[in-house]
Amino acid sequence: MARSRLIMRFKKTPNCEECKKEIIKRLNKISGQINGVSKMVENDRYCQDILNQLEASKSAIRQVQYEILKIHMNTCVKEEIKKGNDEVIEETFNFIKHLR
């Protein structure tokens, strides 16, 4: 089991370049948000303001997760099912179950 997990980590996703650019753009924005939160803490900003920014960052991360999951379903999962690998369905459900 551990070996199959290790192998799966190195699989490649056939992302379209436009999708990849959009995801990277969103991740860079999130990185900026997190850096901004760090500066808020350094500058002793009001706790509720910091919490609001953290919630906005979490929301942005969830949106990126959704977009990547959508790409995963339309590329990786679809291709594996075409190859006869139905195990990918259970693998994906197990992964979704742990998203928060």
N, C-alpha and C. Protein backbone atom coordinates (compact mmCIF):
# COMPACT_ATOMS: atom_id res chain seq x y z
N MET A 1 0.81 -1.19 0.00
CA MET A 1 0.00 0.00 0.00
C MET A 1 0.86 1.26 0.00
N ALA A 2 1.89 1.30 0.85
CA ALA A 2 2.75 2.47 0.92
C ALA A 2 3.44 2.72 -0.41
N ARG A 3 3.81 1.66 -1.06
CA ARG A 3 4.49 1.81 -2.34
C ARG A 3 3.58 2.45 -3.38
N SER A 4 2.31 2.03 -3.44
CA SER A 4 1.39 2.61 -4.42
C SER A 4 1.17 4.09 -4.15
N ARG A 5 1.13 4.49 -2.87
CA ARG A 5 1.00 5.91 -2.54
C ARG A 5 2.21 6.68 -3.03
N LEU A 6 3.39 6.12 -2.84
CA LEU A 6 4.61 6.77 -3.27
C LEU A 6 4.60 6.95 -4.78
N ILE A 7 4.21 5.94 -5.50
CA ILE A 7 4.15 6.01 -6.96
C ILE A 7 3.13 7.06 -7.39
N MET A 8 1.99 7.10 -6.74
CA MET A 8 0.94 8.02 -7.12
C MET A 8 1.37 9.47 -6.94
N ARG A 9 2.22 9.76 -6.00
CA ARG A 9 2.67 11.13 -5.77
C ARG A 9 3.44 11.67 -6.97
N PHE A 10 4.00 10.80 -7.76
CA PHE A 10 4.81 11.24 -8.87
C PHE A 10 4.09 11.17 -10.21
N LYS A 11 2.79 10.89 -10.17
CA LYS A 11 2.01 10.92 -11.40
C LYS A 11 1.92 12.34 -11.89
N LYS A 12 1.76 12.49 -13.17
CA LYS A 12 1.63 13.82 -13.77
C LYS A 12 0.20 14.04 -14.19
N THR A 13 -0.23 15.29 -14.10
CA THR A 13 -1.56 15.66 -14.54
C THR A 13 -1.45 16.39 -15.87
N PRO A 14 -2.25 15.99 -16.84
CA PRO A 14 -2.19 16.68 -18.14
C PRO A 14 -2.95 18.01 -18.09
N ASN A 15 -2.44 18.97 -17.30
CA ASN A 15 -3.10 20.28 -17.17
C ASN A 15 -2.95 21.09 -18.45
N CYS A 16 -4.01 21.79 -18.78
CA CYS A 16 -3.90 22.73 -19.89
C CYS A 16 -3.11 23.93 -19.39
N GLU A 17 -2.37 24.56 -20.24
CA GLU A 17 -1.52 25.69 -19.84
C GLU A 17 -2.34 26.84 -19.27
N GLU A 18 -3.51 27.10 -19.82
CA GLU A 18 -4.36 28.19 -19.32
C GLU A 18 -4.82 27.89 -17.89
N CYS A 19 -5.21 26.63 -17.64
CA CYS A 19 -5.64 26.22 -16.29
C CYS A 19 -4.49 26.38 -15.31
N LYS A 20 -3.31 25.93 -15.71
CA LYS A 20 -2.14 26.00 -14.85
C LYS A 20 -1.81 27.45 -14.51
N LYS A 21 -1.86 28.33 -15.51
CA LYS A 21 -1.57 29.75 -15.27
C LYS A 21 -2.57 30.36 -14.29
N GLU A 22 -3.84 30.00 -14.44
CA GLU A 22 -4.88 30.54 -13.56
C GLU A 22 -4.68 30.05 -12.12
N ILE A 23 -4.36 28.78 -11.96
CA ILE A 23 -4.13 28.23 -10.62
C ILE A 23 -2.91 28.89 -9.98
N ILE A 24 -1.84 29.03 -10.72
CA ILE A 24 -0.63 29.68 -10.19
C ILE A 24 -0.92 31.12 -9.82
N LYS A 25 -1.71 31.81 -10.64
CA LYS A 25 -2.10 33.20 -10.34
C LYS A 25 -2.86 33.26 -9.02
N ARG A 26 -3.79 32.35 -8.83
CA ARG A 26 -4.56 32.30 -7.58
C ARG A 26 -3.67 31.98 -6.39
N LEU A 27 -2.76 31.02 -6.56
CA LEU A 27 -1.87 30.64 -5.47
C LEU A 27 -0.93 31.79 -5.09
N ASN A 28 -0.48 32.54 -6.07
CA ASN A 28 0.36 33.70 -5.79
C ASN A 28 -0.42 34.76 -5.02
N LYS A 29 -1.69 34.93 -5.36
CA LYS A 29 -2.54 35.88 -4.64
C LYS A 29 -2.71 35.42 -3.19
N ILE A 30 -2.94 34.13 -2.99
CA ILE A 30 -3.07 33.59 -1.63
C ILE A 30 -1.78 33.79 -0.85
N SER A 31 -0.66 33.57 -1.49
CA SER A 31 0.63 33.78 -0.84
C SER A 31 0.76 35.23 -0.39
N GLY A 32 0.32 36.16 -1.22
CA GLY A 32 0.33 37.57 -0.85
C GLY A 32 -0.58 37.85 0.33
N GLN A 33 -1.75 37.19 0.33
CA GLN A 33 -2.68 37.36 1.45
C GLN A 33 -2.03 36.88 2.75
N ILE A 34 -1.39 35.73 2.71
CA ILE A 34 -0.76 35.17 3.91
C ILE A 34 0.38 36.08 4.38
N ASN A 35 1.16 36.59 3.45
CA ASN A 35 2.22 37.53 3.82
C ASN A 35 1.63 38.78 4.46
N GLY A 36 0.48 39.22 3.95
CA GLY A 36 -0.20 40.38 4.53
C GLY A 36 -0.68 40.10 5.94
N VAL A 37 -1.15 38.90 6.19
CA VAL A 37 -1.59 38.51 7.53
C VAL A 37 -0.39 38.53 8.48
N SER A 38 0.72 38.03 8.02
CA SER A 38 1.93 38.03 8.84
C SER A 38 2.31 39.47 9.23
N LYS A 39 2.22 40.38 8.29
CA LYS A 39 2.53 41.79 8.58
C LYS A 39 1.51 42.39 9.54
N MET A 40 0.25 41.95 9.41
CA MET A 40 -0.77 42.42 10.34
C MET A 40 -0.41 42.01 11.77
N VAL A 41 0.04 40.78 11.94
CA VAL A 41 0.44 40.29 13.26
C VAL A 41 1.63 41.10 13.77
N GLU A 42 2.62 41.30 12.91
CA GLU A 42 3.80 42.08 13.30
C GLU A 42 3.43 43.49 13.71
N ASN A 43 2.41 44.06 13.09
CA ASN A 43 1.99 45.43 13.36
C ASN A 43 0.90 45.52 14.43
N ASP A 44 0.67 44.42 15.13
CA ASP A 44 -0.30 44.39 16.23
C ASP A 44 -1.70 44.83 15.81
N ARG A 45 -2.11 44.39 14.62
CA ARG A 45 -3.46 44.71 14.16
C ARG A 45 -4.49 44.01 15.02
N TYR A 46 -5.69 44.51 14.99
CA TYR A 46 -6.80 43.99 15.77
C TYR A 46 -7.04 42.52 15.38
N CYS A 47 -7.20 41.69 16.41
CA CYS A 47 -7.32 40.23 16.20
C CYS A 47 -8.44 39.87 15.21
N GLN A 48 -9.58 40.52 15.32
CA GLN A 48 -10.69 40.19 14.44
C GLN A 48 -10.36 40.51 12.97
N ASP A 49 -9.60 41.58 12.75
CA ASP A 49 -9.17 41.89 11.38
C ASP A 49 -8.27 40.79 10.83
N ILE A 50 -7.38 40.29 11.68
CA ILE A 50 -6.49 39.20 11.27
C ILE A 50 -7.30 37.95 10.96
N LEU A 51 -8.25 37.64 11.85
CA LEU A 51 -9.10 36.46 11.64
C LEU A 51 -9.91 36.58 10.35
N ASN A 52 -10.40 37.77 10.05
CA ASN A 52 -11.13 37.97 8.80
C ASN A 52 -10.25 37.70 7.58
N GLN A 53 -9.01 38.16 7.64
CA GLN A 53 -8.09 37.93 6.52
C GLN A 53 -7.73 36.45 6.40
N LEU A 54 -7.58 35.79 7.53
CA LEU A 54 -7.31 34.34 7.49
C LEU A 54 -8.49 33.59 6.89
N GLU A 55 -9.71 34.00 7.23
CA GLU A 55 -10.89 33.34 6.67
C GLU A 55 -10.95 33.56 5.16
N ALA A 56 -10.61 34.76 4.71
CA ALA A 56 -10.58 35.04 3.27
C ALA A 56 -9.54 34.16 2.58
N SER A 57 -8.41 33.96 3.23
CA SER A 57 -7.35 33.10 2.67
C SER A 57 -7.82 31.66 2.59
N LYS A 58 -8.49 31.18 3.65
CA LYS A 58 -9.02 29.81 3.63
C LYS A 58 -10.03 29.63 2.50
N SER A 59 -10.86 30.63 2.31
CA SER A 59 -11.86 30.56 1.24
C SER A 59 -11.18 30.49 -0.13
N ALA A 60 -10.14 31.29 -0.30
CA ALA A 60 -9.41 31.28 -1.56
C ALA A 60 -8.73 29.92 -1.79
N ILE A 61 -8.20 29.34 -0.74
CA ILE A 61 -7.58 28.01 -0.84
C ILE A 61 -8.62 26.97 -1.22
N ARG A 62 -9.79 27.03 -0.59
CA ARG A 62 -10.86 26.08 -0.92
C ARG A 62 -11.26 26.21 -2.39
N GLN A 63 -11.28 27.42 -2.91
CA GLN A 63 -11.64 27.61 -4.31
C GLN A 63 -10.59 26.99 -5.24
N VAL A 64 -9.32 27.12 -4.88
CA VAL A 64 -8.26 26.49 -5.67
C VAL A 64 -8.38 24.97 -5.58
N GLN A 65 -8.69 24.46 -4.39
CA GLN A 65 -8.90 23.01 -4.25
C GLN A 65 -10.01 22.55 -5.18
N TYR A 66 -11.10 23.29 -5.21
CA TYR A 66 -12.23 22.94 -6.07
C TYR A 66 -11.80 22.92 -7.53
N GLU A 67 -11.08 23.93 -7.96
CA GLU A 67 -10.65 24.00 -9.36
C GLU A 67 -9.72 22.83 -9.71
N ILE A 68 -8.80 22.52 -8.82
CA ILE A 68 -7.88 21.40 -9.07
C ILE A 68 -8.63 20.08 -9.06
N LEU A 69 -9.59 19.93 -8.15
CA LEU A 69 -10.39 18.71 -8.13
C LEU A 69 -11.19 18.56 -9.42
N LYS A 70 -11.73 19.67 -9.91
CA LYS A 70 -12.48 19.63 -11.17
C LYS A 70 -11.57 19.20 -12.33
N ILE A 71 -10.37 19.74 -12.36
CA ILE A 71 -9.40 19.34 -13.39
C ILE A 71 -9.07 17.86 -13.22
N HIS A 72 -8.85 17.44 -11.99
CA HIS A 72 -8.50 16.04 -11.70
C HIS A 72 -9.60 15.10 -12.21
N MET A 73 -10.85 15.45 -11.93
CA MET A 73 -11.97 14.61 -12.36
C MET A 73 -12.06 14.54 -13.89
N ASN A 74 -11.80 15.66 -14.55
CA ASN A 74 -11.94 15.72 -16.00
C ASN A 74 -10.73 15.22 -16.76
N THR A 75 -9.62 15.00 -16.07
CA THR A 75 -8.42 14.51 -16.75
C THR A 75 -8.01 13.16 -16.18
N CYS A 76 -7.40 13.19 -15.01
CA CYS A 76 -6.82 11.98 -14.40
C CYS A 76 -7.86 10.89 -14.19
N VAL A 77 -8.96 11.23 -13.52
CA VAL A 77 -9.96 10.21 -13.20
C VAL A 77 -10.59 9.67 -14.48
N LYS A 78 -10.94 10.56 -15.38
CA LYS A 78 -11.56 10.14 -16.64
C LYS A 78 -10.64 9.20 -17.42
N GLU A 79 -9.37 9.53 -17.49
CA GLU A 79 -8.41 8.69 -18.21
C GLU A 79 -8.24 7.33 -17.55
N GLU A 80 -8.16 7.30 -16.23
CA GLU A 80 -8.00 6.03 -15.52
C GLU A 80 -9.22 5.13 -15.70
N ILE A 81 -10.41 5.72 -15.69
CA ILE A 81 -11.63 4.94 -15.93
C ILE A 81 -11.62 4.37 -17.34
N LYS A 82 -11.20 5.17 -18.30
CA LYS A 82 -11.11 4.68 -19.69
C LYS A 82 -10.15 3.49 -19.80
N LYS A 83 -9.10 3.50 -18.96
CA LYS A 83 -8.12 2.41 -18.96
C LYS A 83 -8.63 1.19 -18.18
N GLY A 84 -9.81 1.33 -17.57
CA GLY A 84 -10.37 0.22 -16.81
C GLY A 84 -10.01 0.24 -15.33
N ASN A 85 -9.38 1.30 -14.87
CA ASN A 85 -9.00 1.40 -13.47
C ASN A 85 -10.11 2.09 -12.68
N ASP A 86 -11.06 1.30 -12.20
CA ASP A 86 -12.17 1.84 -11.42
C ASP A 86 -11.75 2.18 -9.98
N GLU A 87 -10.58 1.71 -9.56
CA GLU A 87 -10.09 2.01 -8.22
C GLU A 87 -9.91 3.51 -8.02
N VAL A 88 -9.70 4.23 -9.09
CA VAL A 88 -9.50 5.68 -9.00
C VAL A 88 -10.74 6.38 -8.45
N ILE A 89 -11.91 5.79 -8.62
CA ILE A 89 -13.14 6.38 -8.10
C ILE A 89 -13.12 6.35 -6.57
N GLU A 90 -12.82 5.19 -6.01
CA GLU A 90 -12.74 5.07 -4.55
C GLU A 90 -11.62 5.95 -3.99
N GLU A 91 -10.50 5.98 -4.69
CA GLU A 91 -9.37 6.82 -4.27
C GLU A 91 -9.80 8.29 -4.21
N THR A 92 -10.54 8.73 -5.20
CA THR A 92 -10.99 10.12 -5.25
C THR A 92 -12.02 10.40 -4.15
N PHE A 93 -12.96 9.48 -3.94
CA PHE A 93 -13.93 9.66 -2.85
C PHE A 93 -13.22 9.75 -1.50
N ASN A 94 -12.24 8.90 -1.28
CA ASN A 94 -11.49 8.95 -0.02
C ASN A 94 -10.77 10.28 0.15
N PHE A 95 -10.26 10.79 -0.94
CA PHE A 95 -9.58 12.08 -0.88
C PHE A 95 -10.57 13.20 -0.57
N ILE A 96 -11.70 13.20 -1.24
CA ILE A 96 -12.72 14.24 -1.03
C ILE A 96 -13.22 14.21 0.41
N LYS A 97 -13.35 13.03 0.96
CA LYS A 97 -13.83 12.89 2.33
C LYS A 97 -12.94 13.65 3.31
N HIS A 98 -11.66 13.77 3.01
CA HIS A 98 -10.71 14.40 3.91
C HIS A 98 -10.49 15.89 3.62
N LEU A 99 -11.11 16.40 2.57
CA LEU A 99 -11.01 17.84 2.30
C LEU A 99 -11.82 18.61 3.33
N ARG A 100 -11.30 19.69 3.78
CA ARG A 100 -12.02 20.55 4.73
C ARG A 100 -11.78 21.99 4.40
